[in-house]
mmCIF file of all heavy atoms, coordinates in Angstrom:
data_MODEL
# 
_entry.id   MODEL 
# 
loop_
_atom_site.group_PDB 
_atom_site.id 
_atom_site.type_symbol 
_atom_site.label_atom_id 
_atom_site.label_alt_id 
_atom_site.label_comp_id 
_atom_site.label_asym_id 
_atom_site.label_entity_id 
_atom_site.label_seq_id 
_atom_site.pdbx_PDB_ins_code 
_atom_site.Cartn_x 
_atom_site.Cartn_y 
_atom_site.Cartn_z 
_atom_site.occupancy 
_atom_site.B_iso_or_equiv 
_atom_site.pdbx_formal_charge 
_atom_site.auth_seq_id 
_atom_site.auth_comp_id 
_atom_site.auth_asym_id 
_atom_site.auth_atom_id 
_atom_site.pdbx_PDB_model_num 
ATOM 1   N N   . SER A 1 1  ? -0.499 -5.520  -1.327 1.00 0.00 ? 1  SER A N   1 
ATOM 2   C CA  . SER A 1 1  ? -0.775 -4.247  -1.909 1.00 0.00 ? 1  SER A CA  1 
ATOM 3   C C   . SER A 1 1  ? -1.711 -3.398  -0.995 1.00 0.00 ? 1  SER A C   1 
ATOM 4   O O   . SER A 1 1  ? -2.567 -4.027  -0.249 1.00 0.00 ? 1  SER A O   1 
ATOM 5   C CB  . SER A 1 1  ? -1.394 -4.329  -3.279 1.00 0.00 ? 1  SER A CB  1 
ATOM 6   O OG  . SER A 1 1  ? -2.723 -4.904  -3.202 1.00 0.00 ? 1  SER A OG  1 
ATOM 7   N N   . LEU A 1 2  ? -1.557 -2.111  -0.973 1.00 0.00 ? 2  LEU A N   1 
ATOM 8   C CA  . LEU A 1 2  ? -2.383 -1.223  -0.192 1.00 0.00 ? 2  LEU A CA  1 
ATOM 9   C C   . LEU A 1 2  ? -2.770 0.013   -0.957 1.00 0.00 ? 2  LEU A C   1 
ATOM 10  O O   . LEU A 1 2  ? -1.859 0.647   -1.586 1.00 0.00 ? 2  LEU A O   1 
ATOM 11  C CB  . LEU A 1 2  ? -1.704 -0.818  1.121  1.00 0.00 ? 2  LEU A CB  1 
ATOM 12  C CG  . LEU A 1 2  ? -2.414 0.216   2.006  1.00 0.00 ? 2  LEU A CG  1 
ATOM 13  C CD1 . LEU A 1 2  ? -3.705 -0.342  2.537  1.00 0.00 ? 2  LEU A CD1 1 
ATOM 14  C CD2 . LEU A 1 2  ? -1.490 0.773   3.111  1.00 0.00 ? 2  LEU A CD2 1 
ATOM 15  N N   . SER A 1 3  ? -3.989 0.349   -0.975 1.00 0.00 ? 3  SER A N   1 
ATOM 16  C CA  . SER A 1 3  ? -4.449 1.624   -1.519 1.00 0.00 ? 3  SER A CA  1 
ATOM 17  C C   . SER A 1 3  ? -5.309 2.303   -0.369 1.00 0.00 ? 3  SER A C   1 
ATOM 18  O O   . SER A 1 3  ? -6.014 1.679   0.265  1.00 0.00 ? 3  SER A O   1 
ATOM 19  C CB  . SER A 1 3  ? -5.279 1.446   -2.749 1.00 0.00 ? 3  SER A CB  1 
ATOM 20  O OG  . SER A 1 3  ? -6.459 0.774   -2.512 1.00 0.00 ? 3  SER A OG  1 
ATOM 21  N N   . ALA A 1 4  ? -5.077 3.627   -0.231 1.00 0.00 ? 4  ALA A N   1 
ATOM 22  C CA  . ALA A 1 4  ? -5.809 4.314   0.855  1.00 0.00 ? 4  ALA A CA  1 
ATOM 23  C C   . ALA A 1 4  ? -6.039 5.778   0.446  1.00 0.00 ? 4  ALA A C   1 
ATOM 24  O O   . ALA A 1 4  ? -5.226 6.413   -0.270 1.00 0.00 ? 4  ALA A O   1 
ATOM 25  C CB  . ALA A 1 4  ? -4.930 4.325   2.102  1.00 0.00 ? 4  ALA A CB  1 
ATOM 26  N N   . THR A 1 5  ? -7.176 6.276   0.858  1.00 0.00 ? 5  THR A N   1 
ATOM 27  C CA  . THR A 1 5  ? -7.538 7.693   0.665  1.00 0.00 ? 5  THR A CA  1 
ATOM 28  C C   . THR A 1 5  ? -7.909 8.242   2.019  1.00 0.00 ? 5  THR A C   1 
ATOM 29  O O   . THR A 1 5  ? -9.120 8.310   2.320  1.00 0.00 ? 5  THR A O   1 
ATOM 30  C CB  . THR A 1 5  ? -8.636 7.824   -0.389 1.00 0.00 ? 5  THR A CB  1 
ATOM 31  O OG1 . THR A 1 5  ? -9.770 7.015   -0.003 1.00 0.00 ? 5  THR A OG1 1 
ATOM 32  C CG2 . THR A 1 5  ? -8.189 7.461   -1.745 1.00 0.00 ? 5  THR A CG2 1 
ATOM 33  N N   . TRP A 1 6  ? -6.943 8.615   2.846  1.00 0.00 ? 6  TRP A N   1 
ATOM 34  C CA  . TRP A 1 6  ? -7.220 9.169   4.126  1.00 0.00 ? 6  TRP A CA  1 
ATOM 35  C C   . TRP A 1 6  ? -7.251 10.688  4.081  1.00 0.00 ? 6  TRP A C   1 
ATOM 36  O O   . TRP A 1 6  ? -6.643 11.293  3.228  1.00 0.00 ? 6  TRP A O   1 
ATOM 37  C CB  . TRP A 1 6  ? -6.150 8.700   5.108  1.00 0.00 ? 6  TRP A CB  1 
ATOM 38  C CG  . TRP A 1 6  ? -6.059 7.218   5.250  1.00 0.00 ? 6  TRP A CG  1 
ATOM 39  C CD1 . TRP A 1 6  ? -7.048 6.258   4.863  1.00 0.00 ? 6  TRP A CD1 1 
ATOM 40  C CD2 . TRP A 1 6  ? -4.997 6.390   5.786  1.00 0.00 ? 6  TRP A CD2 1 
ATOM 41  N NE1 . TRP A 1 6  ? -6.647 4.995   5.189  1.00 0.00 ? 6  TRP A NE1 1 
ATOM 42  C CE2 . TRP A 1 6  ? -5.443 5.069   5.685  1.00 0.00 ? 6  TRP A CE2 1 
ATOM 43  C CE3 . TRP A 1 6  ? -3.775 6.723   6.317  1.00 0.00 ? 6  TRP A CE3 1 
ATOM 44  C CZ2 . TRP A 1 6  ? -4.583 4.048   6.159  1.00 0.00 ? 6  TRP A CZ2 1 
ATOM 45  C CZ3 . TRP A 1 6  ? -2.908 5.675   6.772  1.00 0.00 ? 6  TRP A CZ3 1 
ATOM 46  C CH2 . TRP A 1 6  ? -3.341 4.353   6.668  1.00 0.00 ? 6  TRP A CH2 1 
ATOM 47  N N   . PRO A 1 7  ? -8.043 11.301  5.020  1.00 0.00 ? 7  PRO A N   1 
ATOM 48  C CA  . PRO A 1 7  ? -8.299 12.777  4.966  1.00 0.00 ? 7  PRO A CA  1 
ATOM 49  C C   . PRO A 1 7  ? -7.028 13.588  4.875  1.00 0.00 ? 7  PRO A C   1 
ATOM 50  O O   . PRO A 1 7  ? -7.030 14.681  4.181  1.00 0.00 ? 7  PRO A O   1 
ATOM 51  C CB  . PRO A 1 7  ? -9.015 12.955  6.272  1.00 0.00 ? 7  PRO A CB  1 
ATOM 52  C CG  . PRO A 1 7  ? -9.644 11.723  6.572  1.00 0.00 ? 7  PRO A CG  1 
ATOM 53  C CD  . PRO A 1 7  ? -8.688 10.679  6.168  1.00 0.00 ? 7  PRO A CD  1 
ATOM 54  N N   . ASP A 1 8  ? -5.932 13.272  5.561  1.00 0.00 ? 8  ASP A N   1 
ATOM 55  C CA  . ASP A 1 8  ? -4.805 14.200  5.605  1.00 0.00 ? 8  ASP A CA  1 
ATOM 56  C C   . ASP A 1 8  ? -3.777 13.878  4.451  1.00 0.00 ? 8  ASP A C   1 
ATOM 57  O O   . ASP A 1 8  ? -2.699 14.524  4.462  1.00 0.00 ? 8  ASP A O   1 
ATOM 58  C CB  . ASP A 1 8  ? -4.131 14.040  6.954  1.00 0.00 ? 8  ASP A CB  1 
ATOM 59  C CG  . ASP A 1 8  ? -3.179 15.188  7.242  1.00 0.00 ? 8  ASP A CG  1 
ATOM 60  O OD1 . ASP A 1 8  ? -3.455 16.284  6.803  1.00 0.00 ? 8  ASP A OD1 1 
ATOM 61  O OD2 . ASP A 1 8  ? -2.203 14.965  7.931  1.00 0.00 ? 8  ASP A OD2 1 
ATOM 62  N N   . MET A 1 9  ? -4.076 13.063  3.553  1.00 0.00 ? 9  MET A N   1 
ATOM 63  C CA  . MET A 1 9  ? -3.188 12.743  2.474  1.00 0.00 ? 9  MET A CA  1 
ATOM 64  C C   . MET A 1 9  ? -3.234 13.780  1.311  1.00 0.00 ? 9  MET A C   1 
ATOM 65  O O   . MET A 1 9  ? -4.328 14.121  0.937  1.00 0.00 ? 9  MET A O   1 
ATOM 66  C CB  . MET A 1 9  ? -3.463 11.309  1.883  1.00 0.00 ? 9  MET A CB  1 
ATOM 67  C CG  . MET A 1 9  ? -3.120 10.185  2.831  1.00 0.00 ? 9  MET A CG  1 
ATOM 68  S SD  . MET A 1 9  ? -3.502 8.598   2.056  1.00 0.00 ? 9  MET A SD  1 
ATOM 69  C CE  . MET A 1 9  ? -2.685 7.525   3.225  1.00 0.00 ? 9  MET A CE  1 
ATOM 70  N N   . LYS A 1 10 ? -2.071 14.138  0.854  1.00 0.00 ? 10 LYS A N   1 
ATOM 71  C CA  . LYS A 1 10 ? -2.048 15.108  -0.326 1.00 0.00 ? 10 LYS A CA  1 
ATOM 72  C C   . LYS A 1 10 ? -2.625 14.433  -1.566 1.00 0.00 ? 10 LYS A C   1 
ATOM 73  O O   . LYS A 1 10 ? -3.130 15.123  -2.426 1.00 0.00 ? 10 LYS A O   1 
ATOM 74  C CB  . LYS A 1 10 ? -0.635 15.670  -0.516 1.00 0.00 ? 10 LYS A CB  1 
ATOM 75  C CG  . LYS A 1 10 ? -0.153 16.686  0.426  1.00 0.00 ? 10 LYS A CG  1 
ATOM 76  C CD  . LYS A 1 10 ? 1.169  17.267  0.072  1.00 0.00 ? 10 LYS A CD  1 
ATOM 77  C CE  . LYS A 1 10 ? 1.613  18.379  1.015  1.00 0.00 ? 10 LYS A CE  1 
ATOM 78  N NZ  . LYS A 1 10 ? 2.924  18.965  0.639  1.00 0.00 ? 10 LYS A NZ  1 
ATOM 79  N N   . ALA A 1 11 ? -2.270 13.177  -1.686 1.00 0.00 ? 11 ALA A N   1 
ATOM 80  C CA  . ALA A 1 11 ? -2.733 12.375  -2.865 1.00 0.00 ? 11 ALA A CA  1 
ATOM 81  C C   . ALA A 1 11 ? -3.139 10.966  -2.423 1.00 0.00 ? 11 ALA A C   1 
ATOM 82  O O   . ALA A 1 11 ? -2.659 10.509  -1.414 1.00 0.00 ? 11 ALA A O   1 
ATOM 83  C CB  . ALA A 1 11 ? -1.704 12.347  -3.932 1.00 0.00 ? 11 ALA A CB  1 
ATOM 84  N N   . PRO A 1 12 ? -3.986 10.300  -3.185 1.00 0.00 ? 12 PRO A N   1 
ATOM 85  C CA  . PRO A 1 12 ? -4.296 8.877   -2.870 1.00 0.00 ? 12 PRO A CA  1 
ATOM 86  C C   . PRO A 1 12 ? -3.005 8.041   -2.761 1.00 0.00 ? 12 PRO A C   1 
ATOM 87  O O   . PRO A 1 12 ? -2.086 8.203   -3.548 1.00 0.00 ? 12 PRO A O   1 
ATOM 88  C CB  . PRO A 1 12 ? -5.162 8.454   -4.041 1.00 0.00 ? 12 PRO A CB  1 
ATOM 89  C CG  . PRO A 1 12 ? -5.796 9.722   -4.517 1.00 0.00 ? 12 PRO A CG  1 
ATOM 90  C CD  . PRO A 1 12 ? -4.759 10.792  -4.365 1.00 0.00 ? 12 PRO A CD  1 
ATOM 91  N N   . PHE A 1 13 ? -2.979 7.214   -1.769 1.00 0.00 ? 13 PHE A N   1 
ATOM 92  C CA  . PHE A 1 13 ? -1.820 6.402   -1.489 1.00 0.00 ? 13 PHE A CA  1 
ATOM 93  C C   . PHE A 1 13 ? -1.963 4.993   -2.143 1.00 0.00 ? 13 PHE A C   1 
ATOM 94  O O   . PHE A 1 13 ? -3.024 4.393   -2.141 1.00 0.00 ? 13 PHE A O   1 
ATOM 95  C CB  . PHE A 1 13 ? -1.646 6.182   -0.009 1.00 0.00 ? 13 PHE A CB  1 
ATOM 96  C CG  . PHE A 1 13 ? -0.488 5.268   0.415  1.00 0.00 ? 13 PHE A CG  1 
ATOM 97  C CD1 . PHE A 1 13 ? 0.747  5.845   0.596  1.00 0.00 ? 13 PHE A CD1 1 
ATOM 98  C CD2 . PHE A 1 13 ? -0.658 3.939   0.533  1.00 0.00 ? 13 PHE A CD2 1 
ATOM 99  C CE1 . PHE A 1 13 ? 1.880  5.014   1.005  1.00 0.00 ? 13 PHE A CE1 1 
ATOM 100 C CE2 . PHE A 1 13 ? 0.373  3.143   0.914  1.00 0.00 ? 13 PHE A CE2 1 
ATOM 101 C CZ  . PHE A 1 13 ? 1.671  3.706   1.135  1.00 0.00 ? 13 PHE A CZ  1 
ATOM 102 N N   . SER A 1 14 ? -0.850 4.527   -2.737 1.00 0.00 ? 14 SER A N   1 
ATOM 103 C CA  . SER A 1 14 ? -0.891 3.202   -3.397 1.00 0.00 ? 14 SER A CA  1 
ATOM 104 C C   . SER A 1 14 ? 0.525  2.641   -3.395 1.00 0.00 ? 14 SER A C   1 
ATOM 105 O O   . SER A 1 14 ? 1.458  3.349   -3.746 1.00 0.00 ? 14 SER A O   1 
ATOM 106 C CB  . SER A 1 14 ? -1.436 3.311   -4.823 1.00 0.00 ? 14 SER A CB  1 
ATOM 107 O OG  . SER A 1 14 ? -1.413 2.001   -5.387 1.00 0.00 ? 14 SER A OG  1 
ATOM 108 N N   . THR A 1 15 ? 0.639  1.398   -2.913 1.00 0.00 ? 15 THR A N   1 
ATOM 109 C CA  . THR A 1 15 ? 1.956  0.739   -2.977 1.00 0.00 ? 15 THR A CA  1 
ATOM 110 C C   . THR A 1 15 ? 1.772  -0.745  -3.073 1.00 0.00 ? 15 THR A C   1 
ATOM 111 O O   . THR A 1 15 ? 0.716  -1.263  -2.686 1.00 0.00 ? 15 THR A O   1 
ATOM 112 C CB  . THR A 1 15 ? 2.760  1.108   -1.629 1.00 0.00 ? 15 THR A CB  1 
ATOM 113 O OG1 . THR A 1 15 ? 4.110  0.620   -1.844 1.00 0.00 ? 15 THR A OG1 1 
ATOM 114 C CG2 . THR A 1 15 ? 2.133  0.399   -0.484 1.00 0.00 ? 15 THR A CG2 1 
ATOM 115 N N   . ARG A 1 16 ? 2.793  -1.444  -3.545 1.00 0.00 ? 16 ARG A N   1 
ATOM 116 C CA  . ARG A 1 16 ? 2.683  -2.850  -3.802 1.00 0.00 ? 16 ARG A CA  1 
ATOM 117 C C   . ARG A 1 16 ? 4.081  -3.503  -3.883 1.00 0.00 ? 16 ARG A C   1 
ATOM 118 O O   . ARG A 1 16 ? 5.042  -2.885  -4.343 1.00 0.00 ? 16 ARG A O   1 
ATOM 119 C CB  . ARG A 1 16 ? 1.915  -3.095  -5.109 1.00 0.00 ? 16 ARG A CB  1 
ATOM 120 C CG  . ARG A 1 16 ? 1.824  -4.501  -5.642 1.00 0.00 ? 16 ARG A CG  1 
ATOM 121 C CD  . ARG A 1 16 ? 1.250  -4.500  -6.987 1.00 0.00 ? 16 ARG A CD  1 
ATOM 122 N NE  . ARG A 1 16 ? 1.143  -5.912  -7.514 1.00 0.00 ? 16 ARG A NE  1 
ATOM 123 C CZ  . ARG A 1 16 ? 0.747  -6.243  -8.797 1.00 0.00 ? 16 ARG A CZ  1 
ATOM 124 N NH1 . ARG A 1 16 ? 0.394  -5.201  -9.591 1.00 0.00 ? 16 ARG A NH1 1 
ATOM 125 N NH2 . ARG A 1 16 ? 0.730  -7.507  -9.183 1.00 0.00 ? 16 ARG A NH2 1 
ATOM 126 N N   . ASN A 1 17 ? 4.134  -4.682  -3.406 1.00 0.00 ? 17 ASN A N   1 
ATOM 127 C CA  . ASN A 1 17 ? 5.363  -5.536  -3.548 1.00 0.00 ? 17 ASN A CA  1 
ATOM 128 C C   . ASN A 1 17 ? 5.010  -6.987  -3.868 1.00 0.00 ? 17 ASN A C   1 
ATOM 129 O O   . ASN A 1 17 ? 4.295  -7.623  -3.053 1.00 0.00 ? 17 ASN A O   1 
ATOM 130 C CB  . ASN A 1 17 ? 6.197  -5.477  -2.279 1.00 0.00 ? 17 ASN A CB  1 
ATOM 131 C CG  . ASN A 1 17 ? 7.569  -6.100  -2.394 1.00 0.00 ? 17 ASN A CG  1 
ATOM 132 O OD1 . ASN A 1 17 ? 7.816  -6.934  -3.319 1.00 0.00 ? 17 ASN A OD1 1 
ATOM 133 N ND2 . ASN A 1 17 ? 8.491  -5.730  -1.558 1.00 0.00 ? 17 ASN A ND2 1 
ATOM 134 N N   . ASN A 1 18 ? 5.443  -7.405  -5.080 1.00 0.00 ? 18 ASN A N   1 
ATOM 135 C CA  . ASN A 1 18 ? 5.076  -8.787  -5.467 1.00 0.00 ? 18 ASN A CA  1 
ATOM 136 C C   . ASN A 1 18 ? 6.242  -9.757  -5.377 1.00 0.00 ? 18 ASN A C   1 
ATOM 137 O O   . ASN A 1 18 ? 6.216  -10.849 -6.063 1.00 0.00 ? 18 ASN A O   1 
ATOM 138 C CB  . ASN A 1 18 ? 4.478  -8.791  -6.885 1.00 0.00 ? 18 ASN A CB  1 
ATOM 139 C CG  . ASN A 1 18 ? 5.391  -8.247  -7.871 1.00 0.00 ? 18 ASN A CG  1 
ATOM 140 O OD1 . ASN A 1 18 ? 6.555  -7.916  -7.591 1.00 0.00 ? 18 ASN A OD1 1 
ATOM 141 N ND2 . ASN A 1 18 ? 5.032  -8.218  -9.183 1.00 0.00 ? 18 ASN A ND2 1 
ATOM 142 N N   . SER A 1 19 ? 7.250  -9.458  -4.596 1.00 0.00 ? 19 SER A N   1 
ATOM 143 C CA  . SER A 1 19 ? 8.363  -10.376 -4.439 1.00 0.00 ? 19 SER A CA  1 
ATOM 144 C C   . SER A 1 19 ? 8.660  -10.661 -2.965 1.00 0.00 ? 19 SER A C   1 
ATOM 145 O O   . SER A 1 19 ? 9.833  -10.674 -2.525 1.00 0.00 ? 19 SER A O   1 
ATOM 146 C CB  . SER A 1 19 ? 9.624  -9.730  -5.118 1.00 0.00 ? 19 SER A CB  1 
ATOM 147 O OG  . SER A 1 19 ? 9.923  -8.467  -4.566 1.00 0.00 ? 19 SER A OG  1 
ATOM 148 N N   . LEU A 1 20 ? 7.647  -10.895 -2.219 1.00 0.00 ? 20 LEU A N   1 
ATOM 149 C CA  . LEU A 1 20 ? 7.792  -11.168 -0.812 1.00 0.00 ? 20 LEU A CA  1 
ATOM 150 C C   . LEU A 1 20 ? 7.917  -12.694 -0.557 1.00 0.00 ? 20 LEU A C   1 
ATOM 151 O O   . LEU A 1 20 ? 7.614  -13.517 -1.409 1.00 0.00 ? 20 LEU A O   1 
ATOM 152 C CB  . LEU A 1 20 ? 6.518  -10.648 -0.009 1.00 0.00 ? 20 LEU A CB  1 
ATOM 153 C CG  . LEU A 1 20 ? 6.251  -9.172  -0.119 1.00 0.00 ? 20 LEU A CG  1 
ATOM 154 C CD1 . LEU A 1 20 ? 5.028  -8.751  0.620  1.00 0.00 ? 20 LEU A CD1 1 
ATOM 155 C CD2 . LEU A 1 20 ? 7.463  -8.364  0.414  1.00 0.00 ? 20 LEU A CD2 1 
ATOM 156 N N   . ASP A 1 21 ? 8.312  -13.028 0.694  1.00 0.00 ? 21 ASP A N   1 
ATOM 157 C CA  . ASP A 1 21 ? 8.463  -14.377 1.068  1.00 0.00 ? 21 ASP A CA  1 
ATOM 158 C C   . ASP A 1 21 ? 8.210  -14.575 2.545  1.00 0.00 ? 21 ASP A C   1 
ATOM 159 O O   . ASP A 1 21 ? 9.132  -14.975 3.261  1.00 0.00 ? 21 ASP A O   1 
ATOM 160 C CB  . ASP A 1 21 ? 9.838  -14.948 0.677  1.00 0.00 ? 21 ASP A CB  1 
ATOM 161 C CG  . ASP A 1 21 ? 9.990  -16.415 0.747  1.00 0.00 ? 21 ASP A CG  1 
ATOM 162 O OD1 . ASP A 1 21 ? 8.907  -17.128 0.875  1.00 0.00 ? 21 ASP A OD1 1 
ATOM 163 O OD2 . ASP A 1 21 ? 11.129 -16.980 0.772  1.00 0.00 ? 21 ASP A OD2 1 
ATOM 164 N N   . TYR A 1 22 ? 6.972  -14.242 3.033  1.00 0.00 ? 22 TYR A N   1 
ATOM 165 C CA  . TYR A 1 22 ? 6.660  -14.263 4.404  1.00 0.00 ? 22 TYR A CA  1 
ATOM 166 C C   . TYR A 1 22 ? 5.635  -15.401 4.689  1.00 0.00 ? 22 TYR A C   1 
ATOM 167 O O   . TYR A 1 22 ? 5.067  -15.918 3.725  1.00 0.00 ? 22 TYR A O   1 
ATOM 168 C CB  . TYR A 1 22 ? 6.026  -12.932 4.846  1.00 0.00 ? 22 TYR A CB  1 
ATOM 169 C CG  . TYR A 1 22 ? 6.974  -11.747 4.899  1.00 0.00 ? 22 TYR A CG  1 
ATOM 170 C CD1 . TYR A 1 22 ? 6.641  -10.591 4.238  1.00 0.00 ? 22 TYR A CD1 1 
ATOM 171 C CD2 . TYR A 1 22 ? 8.221  -11.774 5.516  1.00 0.00 ? 22 TYR A CD2 1 
ATOM 172 C CE1 . TYR A 1 22 ? 7.535  -9.494  4.254  1.00 0.00 ? 22 TYR A CE1 1 
ATOM 173 C CE2 . TYR A 1 22 ? 9.066  -10.688 5.565  1.00 0.00 ? 22 TYR A CE2 1 
ATOM 174 C CZ  . TYR A 1 22 ? 8.718  -9.537  4.927  1.00 0.00 ? 22 TYR A CZ  1 
ATOM 175 O OH  . TYR A 1 22 ? 9.537  -8.484  4.873  1.00 0.00 ? 22 TYR A OH  1 
ATOM 176 N N   . LEU A 1 23 ? 5.403  -15.654 5.940  1.00 0.00 ? 23 LEU A N   1 
ATOM 177 C CA  . LEU A 1 23 ? 4.305  -16.567 6.395  1.00 0.00 ? 23 LEU A CA  1 
ATOM 178 C C   . LEU A 1 23 ? 4.334  -17.887 5.709  1.00 0.00 ? 23 LEU A C   1 
ATOM 179 O O   . LEU A 1 23 ? 3.342  -18.353 5.191  1.00 0.00 ? 23 LEU A O   1 
ATOM 180 C CB  . LEU A 1 23 ? 2.975  -15.867 6.195  1.00 0.00 ? 23 LEU A CB  1 
ATOM 181 C CG  . LEU A 1 23 ? 2.841  -14.419 6.686  1.00 0.00 ? 23 LEU A CG  1 
ATOM 182 C CD1 . LEU A 1 23 ? 1.414  -13.942 6.516  1.00 0.00 ? 23 LEU A CD1 1 
ATOM 183 C CD2 . LEU A 1 23 ? 3.359  -14.191 8.093  1.00 0.00 ? 23 LEU A CD2 1 
ATOM 184 N N   . GLN A 1 24 ? 5.459  -18.576 5.721  1.00 0.00 ? 24 GLN A N   1 
ATOM 185 C CA  . GLN A 1 24 ? 5.596  -19.829 5.053  1.00 0.00 ? 24 GLN A CA  1 
ATOM 186 C C   . GLN A 1 24 ? 4.993  -20.966 5.833  1.00 0.00 ? 24 GLN A C   1 
ATOM 187 O O   . GLN A 1 24 ? 5.207  -21.133 7.015  1.00 0.00 ? 24 GLN A O   1 
ATOM 188 C CB  . GLN A 1 24 ? 7.083  -20.153 4.740  1.00 0.00 ? 24 GLN A CB  1 
ATOM 189 C CG  . GLN A 1 24 ? 7.791  -19.108 3.902  1.00 0.00 ? 24 GLN A CG  1 
ATOM 190 C CD  . GLN A 1 24 ? 9.266  -19.436 3.730  1.00 0.00 ? 24 GLN A CD  1 
ATOM 191 O OE1 . GLN A 1 24 ? 9.703  -20.568 3.849  1.00 0.00 ? 24 GLN A OE1 1 
ATOM 192 N NE2 . GLN A 1 24 ? 10.048 -18.455 3.302  1.00 0.00 ? 24 GLN A NE2 1 
# 
């Protein structure tokens, strides 16, 4: 998950994926 509030963003950013299968 990532949340970010960077200066040039129109709105706070938030995204998430809970069905990954990396780095086994």
